[in-house]
Amino acid sequence: MLYKFKKPFKYGTETVESVELKEEYNTGDLIRIANANGNGDRTGAMLVAATGWPLPKVACIPIADALAITEAITPFFGLSETDGPEM
């Protein structure tokens, strides 16, 4: 699923306008997310799994976009909104 950022952001010399989000995840993704400590780490792990980007690049995503992506991918992990990560 293509996600277009509300406002492009810079990562190094790259201007990032969109990302292709995975729509299928594996047990390795689930393990890394479950082992993350705290909601911030869990959100980061989910965004890394969804985008395939390294955590430093994920950390540059604007908050509104990070929340929107997290909301879009949470159902893939069988989590309800109350179980999902909060930022």
N, C-alpha and C. Protein backbone atom coordinates (compact mmCIF):
# COMPACT_ATOMS: atom_id res chain seq x y z
N MET A 1 0.85 -1.16 0.00
CA MET A 1 0.00 0.00 0.00
C MET A 1 0.90 1.23 0.00
N LEU A 2 0.71 2.12 -0.94
CA LEU A 2 1.52 3.33 -1.03
C LEU A 2 0.97 4.36 -0.05
N TYR A 3 1.85 4.89 0.79
CA TYR A 3 1.48 5.96 1.71
C TYR A 3 2.24 7.21 1.30
N LYS A 4 1.51 8.28 1.02
CA LYS A 4 2.11 9.55 0.65
C LYS A 4 2.13 10.45 1.88
N PHE A 5 3.31 10.94 2.23
CA PHE A 5 3.44 11.78 3.41
C PHE A 5 2.71 13.10 3.23
N LYS A 6 2.14 13.60 4.33
CA LYS A 6 1.41 14.85 4.29
C LYS A 6 2.33 15.99 3.85
N LYS A 7 3.60 15.91 4.28
CA LYS A 7 4.61 16.88 3.89
C LYS A 7 5.91 16.11 3.71
N PRO A 8 6.57 16.21 2.56
CA PRO A 8 7.84 15.51 2.37
C PRO A 8 8.85 15.91 3.44
N PHE A 9 9.77 14.98 3.75
CA PHE A 9 10.80 15.29 4.73
C PHE A 9 12.16 14.87 4.18
N LYS A 10 13.20 15.40 4.79
CA LYS A 10 14.57 15.13 4.37
C LYS A 10 15.15 14.01 5.22
N TYR A 11 15.87 13.10 4.56
CA TYR A 11 16.67 12.08 5.23
C TYR A 11 18.01 12.11 4.54
N GLY A 12 18.99 12.73 5.19
CA GLY A 12 20.27 12.96 4.52
C GLY A 12 20.04 13.90 3.35
N THR A 13 20.45 13.48 2.16
CA THR A 13 20.25 14.30 0.96
C THR A 13 18.97 13.93 0.22
N GLU A 14 18.27 12.91 0.70
CA GLU A 14 17.05 12.41 0.05
C GLU A 14 15.82 13.16 0.54
N THR A 15 14.96 13.55 -0.38
CA THR A 15 13.64 14.08 -0.03
C THR A 15 12.66 12.94 -0.16
N VAL A 16 12.00 12.61 0.96
CA VAL A 16 11.11 11.46 1.01
C VAL A 16 9.67 11.94 0.89
N GLU A 17 8.97 11.47 -0.14
CA GLU A 17 7.59 11.89 -0.38
C GLU A 17 6.58 10.79 -0.10
N SER A 18 7.01 9.52 -0.20
CA SER A 18 6.09 8.41 0.01
C SER A 18 6.87 7.16 0.40
N VAL A 19 6.13 6.15 0.82
CA VAL A 19 6.73 4.86 1.16
C VAL A 19 5.73 3.77 0.80
N GLU A 20 6.24 2.65 0.33
CA GLU A 20 5.40 1.48 0.05
C GLU A 20 5.36 0.64 1.33
N LEU A 21 4.18 0.53 1.94
CA LEU A 21 4.02 -0.24 3.17
C LEU A 21 3.73 -1.70 2.84
N LYS A 22 4.36 -2.58 3.59
CA LYS A 22 4.08 -4.00 3.42
C LYS A 22 2.64 -4.28 3.87
N GLU A 23 2.02 -5.25 3.26
CA GLU A 23 0.67 -5.65 3.67
C GLU A 23 0.66 -7.06 4.22
N GLU A 24 1.84 -7.69 4.24
CA GLU A 24 1.98 -9.01 4.85
C GLU A 24 3.21 -8.98 5.72
N TYR A 25 3.10 -9.59 6.90
CA TYR A 25 4.20 -9.60 7.86
C TYR A 25 4.48 -11.04 8.25
N ASN A 26 5.70 -11.27 8.78
CA ASN A 26 6.04 -12.62 9.19
C ASN A 26 6.25 -12.68 10.70
N THR A 27 6.51 -13.86 11.19
CA THR A 27 6.68 -14.05 12.62
C THR A 27 7.88 -13.27 13.14
N GLY A 28 8.92 -13.14 12.32
CA GLY A 28 10.07 -12.34 12.74
C GLY A 28 9.68 -10.91 13.04
N ASP A 29 8.81 -10.34 12.20
CA ASP A 29 8.32 -8.98 12.46
C ASP A 29 7.58 -8.94 13.80
N LEU A 30 6.71 -9.91 14.01
CA LEU A 30 5.91 -9.95 15.23
C LEU A 30 6.80 -10.10 16.46
N ILE A 31 7.83 -10.94 16.38
CA ILE A 31 8.75 -11.14 17.51
C ILE A 31 9.48 -9.85 17.84
N ARG A 32 10.01 -9.17 16.82
CA ARG A 32 10.73 -7.92 17.07
C ARG A 32 9.81 -6.87 17.69
N ILE A 33 8.57 -6.82 17.24
CA ILE A 33 7.61 -5.85 17.80
C ILE A 33 7.24 -6.22 19.22
N ALA A 34 6.98 -7.50 19.47
CA ALA A 34 6.60 -7.95 20.81
C ALA A 34 7.74 -7.76 21.80
N ASN A 35 8.98 -7.90 21.35
CA ASN A 35 10.14 -7.75 22.23
C ASN A 35 10.55 -6.31 22.47
N ALA A 36 9.95 -5.38 21.74
CA ALA A 36 10.29 -3.96 21.91
C ALA A 36 9.84 -3.52 23.30
N ASN A 37 10.64 -2.70 23.93
CA ASN A 37 10.34 -2.21 25.28
C ASN A 37 9.61 -0.88 25.22
N GLY A 38 8.41 -0.84 25.72
CA GLY A 38 7.65 0.40 25.76
C GLY A 38 6.98 0.73 24.44
N ASN A 39 6.04 1.66 24.51
CA ASN A 39 5.26 2.02 23.32
C ASN A 39 6.09 2.69 22.23
N GLY A 40 7.08 3.49 22.61
CA GLY A 40 7.92 4.14 21.60
C GLY A 40 8.72 3.13 20.80
N ASP A 41 9.35 2.17 21.51
CA ASP A 41 10.10 1.13 20.83
C ASP A 41 9.21 0.27 19.96
N ARG A 42 8.01 -0.03 20.46
CA ARG A 42 7.07 -0.87 19.70
C ARG A 42 6.61 -0.15 18.44
N THR A 43 6.32 1.14 18.56
CA THR A 43 5.93 1.92 17.39
C THR A 43 7.06 1.95 16.37
N GLY A 44 8.27 2.18 16.84
CA GLY A 44 9.43 2.17 15.95
C GLY A 44 9.58 0.84 15.26
N ALA A 45 9.43 -0.26 16.01
CA ALA A 45 9.56 -1.60 15.42
C ALA A 45 8.48 -1.85 14.38
N MET A 46 7.26 -1.38 14.64
CA MET A 46 6.18 -1.54 13.66
C MET A 46 6.47 -0.76 12.39
N LEU A 47 6.96 0.47 12.54
CA LEU A 47 7.25 1.29 11.36
C LEU A 47 8.43 0.74 10.57
N VAL A 48 9.43 0.20 11.26
CA VAL A 48 10.56 -0.44 10.58
C VAL A 48 10.05 -1.65 9.79
N ALA A 49 9.19 -2.47 10.42
CA ALA A 49 8.65 -3.64 9.74
C ALA A 49 7.82 -3.24 8.52
N ALA A 50 7.02 -2.20 8.67
CA ALA A 50 6.11 -1.79 7.59
C ALA A 50 6.83 -1.17 6.41
N THR A 51 7.87 -0.38 6.69
CA THR A 51 8.54 0.36 5.63
C THR A 51 9.77 -0.34 5.08
N GLY A 52 10.40 -1.17 5.90
CA GLY A 52 11.66 -1.78 5.52
C GLY A 52 12.82 -0.80 5.66
N TRP A 53 12.58 0.34 6.26
CA TRP A 53 13.60 1.36 6.46
C TRP A 53 14.33 1.12 7.77
N PRO A 54 15.57 1.62 7.90
CA PRO A 54 16.27 1.55 9.18
C PRO A 54 15.63 2.52 10.18
N LEU A 55 15.80 2.24 11.47
CA LEU A 55 15.20 3.08 12.51
C LEU A 55 15.59 4.55 12.40
N PRO A 56 16.85 4.91 12.07
CA PRO A 56 17.15 6.35 11.95
C PRO A 56 16.30 7.06 10.89
N LYS A 57 15.97 6.37 9.80
CA LYS A 57 15.12 6.99 8.78
C LYS A 57 13.68 7.04 9.26
N VAL A 58 13.21 5.99 9.91
CA VAL A 58 11.85 5.97 10.47
C VAL A 58 11.69 7.11 11.48
N ALA A 59 12.75 7.39 12.25
CA ALA A 59 12.69 8.44 13.26
C ALA A 59 12.48 9.82 12.65
N CYS A 60 12.73 9.99 11.37
CA CYS A 60 12.54 11.28 10.69
C CYS A 60 11.11 11.49 10.19
N ILE A 61 10.28 10.44 10.24
CA ILE A 61 8.90 10.58 9.77
C ILE A 61 8.16 11.57 10.68
N PRO A 62 7.47 12.54 10.12
CA PRO A 62 6.69 13.46 10.95
C PRO A 62 5.66 12.70 11.80
N ILE A 63 5.40 13.20 13.00
CA ILE A 63 4.54 12.51 13.96
C ILE A 63 3.17 12.19 13.38
N ALA A 64 2.54 13.15 12.71
CA ALA A 64 1.19 12.90 12.16
C ALA A 64 1.21 11.73 11.19
N ASP A 65 2.25 11.64 10.37
CA ASP A 65 2.35 10.53 9.43
C ASP A 65 2.65 9.21 10.16
N ALA A 66 3.52 9.25 11.17
CA ALA A 66 3.83 8.04 11.93
C ALA A 66 2.57 7.48 12.59
N LEU A 67 1.75 8.36 13.15
CA LEU A 67 0.51 7.91 13.77
C LEU A 67 -0.46 7.34 12.74
N ALA A 68 -0.56 7.98 11.57
CA ALA A 68 -1.45 7.50 10.52
C ALA A 68 -1.00 6.14 10.00
N ILE A 69 0.31 5.96 9.80
CA ILE A 69 0.82 4.67 9.32
C ILE A 69 0.59 3.60 10.38
N THR A 70 0.89 3.92 11.64
CA THR A 70 0.69 2.96 12.72
C THR A 70 -0.76 2.52 12.80
N GLU A 71 -1.68 3.47 12.66
CA GLU A 71 -3.10 3.14 12.68
C GLU A 71 -3.47 2.22 11.51
N ALA A 72 -2.87 2.47 10.35
CA ALA A 72 -3.17 1.67 9.16
C ALA A 72 -2.64 0.24 9.27
N ILE A 73 -1.50 0.05 9.94
CA ILE A 73 -0.89 -1.29 9.97
C ILE A 73 -1.23 -2.09 11.23
N THR A 74 -1.75 -1.46 12.28
CA THR A 74 -2.06 -2.17 13.52
C THR A 74 -2.97 -3.37 13.29
N PRO A 75 -4.00 -3.29 12.43
CA PRO A 75 -4.86 -4.46 12.22
C PRO A 75 -4.11 -5.69 11.68
N PHE A 76 -3.01 -5.50 10.99
CA PHE A 76 -2.26 -6.64 10.45
C PHE A 76 -1.65 -7.50 11.56
N PHE A 77 -1.52 -6.92 12.76
CA PHE A 77 -0.93 -7.64 13.88
C PHE A 77 -1.98 -8.16 14.84
N GLY A 78 -3.26 -8.04 14.49
CA GLY A 78 -4.33 -8.54 15.34
C GLY A 78 -4.48 -7.75 16.63
N LEU A 79 -4.05 -6.51 16.61
CA LEU A 79 -4.15 -5.66 17.79
C LEU A 79 -5.35 -4.75 17.67
N SER A 80 -6.02 -4.51 18.78
CA SER A 80 -7.09 -3.52 18.77
C SER A 80 -6.44 -2.16 18.98
N GLU A 81 -7.20 -1.11 18.83
CA GLU A 81 -6.63 0.22 19.02
C GLU A 81 -6.09 0.40 20.43
N THR A 82 -6.69 -0.25 21.43
CA THR A 82 -6.21 -0.10 22.79
C THR A 82 -4.95 -0.91 23.03
N ASP A 83 -4.69 -1.95 22.22
CA ASP A 83 -3.48 -2.75 22.35
C ASP A 83 -2.32 -2.16 21.59
N GLY A 84 -2.62 -1.35 20.59
CA GLY A 84 -1.59 -0.85 19.69
C GLY A 84 -0.70 0.18 20.35
N PRO A 85 0.37 0.53 19.66
CA PRO A 85 1.32 1.49 20.20
C PRO A 85 0.74 2.89 20.26
N GLU A 86 1.19 3.63 21.24
CA GLU A 86 0.81 5.03 21.38
C GLU A 86 2.08 5.84 21.37
N MET A 87 1.98 7.02 20.80
CA MET A 87 3.17 7.89 20.79
C MET A 87 2.93 9.07 21.69
